[in-house]
Amino acid sequence: MSEDVKKSKKEGTKSKEKVSASVVIKKFFTDIISEFKRVTWPSKQELAKQTVVVIVISGIIGLVICGFDAGFSMGHQALMKISDML
């Protein structure tokens, strides 16, 4: 190995300089703010449409689950009546 590679490997194993927690936290929040600035936010119309879609789909799924629950309940009651007859 060349001397430069050996030096870089040795330097890489050294512990990094300690950074205070306040600096790390400040950098974290500045990074978050910069990421939020790059986000493409939906318009009010798009947001309203998507909200309606979510509410409608949630209602449909709720009705389907309610239907399955009622069906299983009726089936269970029917099985219990049959077992009482035996």
C-alpha atoms as a PDB file:
ATOM      1  CA  MET A   1       0.000   0.000   0.000  1.00  0.00           C
ATOM      2  CA  SER A   2       1.108   3.494  -0.610  1.00  0.00           C
ATOM      3  CA  GLU A   3       1.960   5.763   2.277  1.00  0.00           C
ATOM      4  CA  ASP A   4      -1.025   8.076   1.582  1.00  0.00           C
ATOM      5  CA  VAL A   5      -3.501   5.210   1.863  1.00  0.00           C
ATOM      6  CA  LYS A   6      -1.911   4.027   5.098  1.00  0.00           C
ATOM      7  CA  LYS A   7      -2.081   7.541   6.548  1.00  0.00           C
ATOM      8  CA  SER A   8      -5.703   7.997   5.544  1.00  0.00           C
ATOM      9  CA  LYS A   9      -6.640   4.668   7.112  1.00  0.00           C
ATOM     10  CA  LYS A  10      -4.862   5.592  10.327  1.00  0.00           C
ATOM     11  CA  GLU A  11      -6.518   9.000  10.399  1.00  0.00           C
ATOM     12  CA  GLY A  12      -9.904   7.410   9.720  1.00  0.00           C
ATOM     13  CA  THR A  13      -9.651   5.314  12.859  1.00  0.00           C
ATOM     14  CA  LYS A  14      -9.123   8.341  15.090  1.00  0.00           C
ATOM     15  CA  SER A  15     -12.172   9.540  16.976  1.00  0.00           C
ATOM     16  CA  LYS A  16     -13.900  12.514  15.480  1.00  0.00           C
ATOM     17  CA  GLU A  17     -13.908  15.814  17.291  1.00  0.00           C
ATOM     18  CA  LYS A  18     -16.678  16.100  19.825  1.00  0.00           C
ATOM     19  CA  VAL A  19     -19.388  18.561  18.915  1.00  0.00           C
ATOM     20  CA  SER A  20     -21.685  20.081  21.510  1.00  0.00           C
ATOM     21  CA  ALA A  21     -25.278  18.964  21.624  1.00  0.00           C
ATOM     22  CA  SER A  22     -26.577  22.472  20.967  1.00  0.00           C
ATOM     23  CA  VAL A  23     -24.661  22.630  17.672  1.00  0.00           C
ATOM     24  CA  VAL A  24     -26.036  19.251  16.593  1.00  0.00           C
ATOM     25  CA  ILE A  25     -29.603  20.210  17.505  1.00  0.00           C
ATOM     26  CA  LYS A  26     -29.318  23.568  15.722  1.00  0.00           C
ATOM     27  CA  LYS A  27     -28.006  21.863  12.573  1.00  0.00           C
ATOM     28  CA  PHE A  28     -30.797  19.296  12.752  1.00  0.00           C
ATOM     29  CA  PHE A  29     -33.505  21.954  12.816  1.00  0.00           C
ATOM     30  CA  THR A  30     -31.870  24.093  10.120  1.00  0.00           C
ATOM     31  CA  ASP A  31     -31.730  20.974   7.927  1.00  0.00           C
ATOM     32  CA  ILE A  32     -35.421  20.351   8.570  1.00  0.00           C
ATOM     33  CA  ILE A  33     -36.297  23.927   7.618  1.00  0.00           C
ATOM     34  CA  SER A  34     -34.272  23.715   4.414  1.00  0.00           C
ATOM     35  CA  GLU A  35     -36.008  20.434   3.498  1.00  0.00           C
ATOM     36  CA  PHE A  36     -39.452  21.949   4.113  1.00  0.00           C
ATOM     37  CA  LYS A  37     -38.582  24.791   1.747  1.00  0.00           C
ATOM     38  CA  ARG A  38     -37.945  22.255  -1.031  1.00  0.00           C
ATOM     39  CA  VAL A  39     -41.274  20.465  -0.569  1.00  0.00           C
ATOM     40  CA  THR A  40     -43.908  20.992  -3.245  1.00  0.00           C
ATOM     41  CA  TRP A  41     -47.025  21.711  -1.208  1.00  0.00           C
ATOM     42  CA  PRO A  42     -50.468  21.004  -2.702  1.00  0.00           C
ATOM     43  CA  SER A  43     -52.818  23.852  -3.516  1.00  0.00           C
ATOM     44  CA  LYS A  44     -55.990  24.372  -1.473  1.00  0.00           C
ATOM     45  CA  GLN A  45     -58.071  22.772  -4.227  1.00  0.00           C
ATOM     46  CA  GLU A  46     -55.824  19.691  -4.420  1.00  0.00           C
ATOM     47  CA  LEU A  47     -55.833  19.401  -0.644  1.00  0.00           C
ATOM     48  CA  ALA A  48     -59.628  19.621  -0.508  1.00  0.00           C
ATOM     49  CA  LYS A  49     -60.023  16.962  -3.222  1.00  0.00           C
ATOM     50  CA  GLN A  50     -57.588  14.611  -1.528  1.00  0.00           C
ATOM     51  CA  THR A  51     -59.296  15.113   1.831  1.00  0.00           C
ATOM     52  CA  VAL A  52     -62.684  14.235   0.329  1.00  0.00           C
ATOM     53  CA  VAL A  53     -61.196  11.120  -1.296  1.00  0.00           C
ATOM     54  CA  VAL A  54     -59.702   9.982   2.011  1.00  0.00           C
ATOM     55  CA  ILE A  55     -62.985  10.531   3.866  1.00  0.00           C
ATOM     56  CA  VAL A  56     -65.039   8.705   1.220  1.00  0.00           C
ATOM     57  CA  ILE A  57     -62.664   5.733   1.031  1.00  0.00           C
ATOM     58  CA  SER A  58     -62.526   5.537   4.836  1.00  0.00           C
ATOM     59  CA  GLY A  59     -66.328   5.476   4.938  1.00  0.00           C
ATOM     60  CA  ILE A  60     -66.502   2.742   2.293  1.00  0.00           C
ATOM     61  CA  ILE A  61     -63.942   0.614   4.120  1.00  0.00           C
ATOM     62  CA  GLY A  62     -65.865   1.188   7.377  1.00  0.00           C
ATOM     63  CA  LEU A  63     -69.085  -0.007   5.754  1.00  0.00           C
ATOM     64  CA  VAL A  64     -67.350  -3.095   4.332  1.00  0.00           C
ATOM     65  CA  ILE A  65     -65.924  -3.970   7.747  1.00  0.00           C
ATOM     66  CA  CYS A  66     -69.341  -3.365   9.324  1.00  0.00           C
ATOM     67  CA  GLY A  67     -70.905  -5.708   6.761  1.00  0.00           C
ATOM     68  CA  PHE A  68     -68.360  -8.449   7.447  1.00  0.00           C
ATOM     69  CA  ASP A  69     -68.881  -8.038  11.188  1.00  0.00           C
ATOM     70  CA  ALA A  70     -72.663  -8.289  10.849  1.00  0.00           C
ATOM     71  CA  GLY A  71     -72.321 -11.326   8.575  1.00  0.00           C
ATOM     72  CA  PHE A  72     -69.969 -13.152  10.917  1.00  0.00           C
ATOM     73  CA  SER A  73     -72.201 -12.274  13.879  1.00  0.00           C
ATOM     74  CA  MET A  74     -75.277 -13.672  12.131  1.00  0.00           C
ATOM     75  CA  GLY A  75     -73.335 -16.782  11.138  1.00  0.00           C
ATOM     76  CA  HIS A  76     -72.135 -17.273  14.684  1.00  0.00           C
ATOM     77  CA  GLN A  77     -75.672 -16.906  16.064  1.00  0.00           C
ATOM     78  CA  ALA A  78     -76.966 -19.414  13.507  1.00  0.00           C
ATOM     79  CA  LEU A  79     -74.276 -21.905  14.481  1.00  0.00           C
ATOM     80  CA  MET A  80     -75.104 -21.425  18.157  1.00  0.00           C
ATOM     81  CA  LYS A  81     -78.828 -22.131  17.497  1.00  0.00           C
ATOM     82  CA  ILE A  82     -77.882 -25.267  15.578  1.00  0.00           C
ATOM     83  CA  SER A  83     -75.651 -26.464  18.411  1.00  0.00           C
ATOM     84  CA  ASP A  84     -78.487 -25.870  20.930  1.00  0.00           C
ATOM     85  CA  MET A  85     -80.733 -28.161  18.863  1.00  0.00           C
ATOM     86  CA  LEU A  86     -78.259 -31.037  19.072  1.00  0.00           C
END
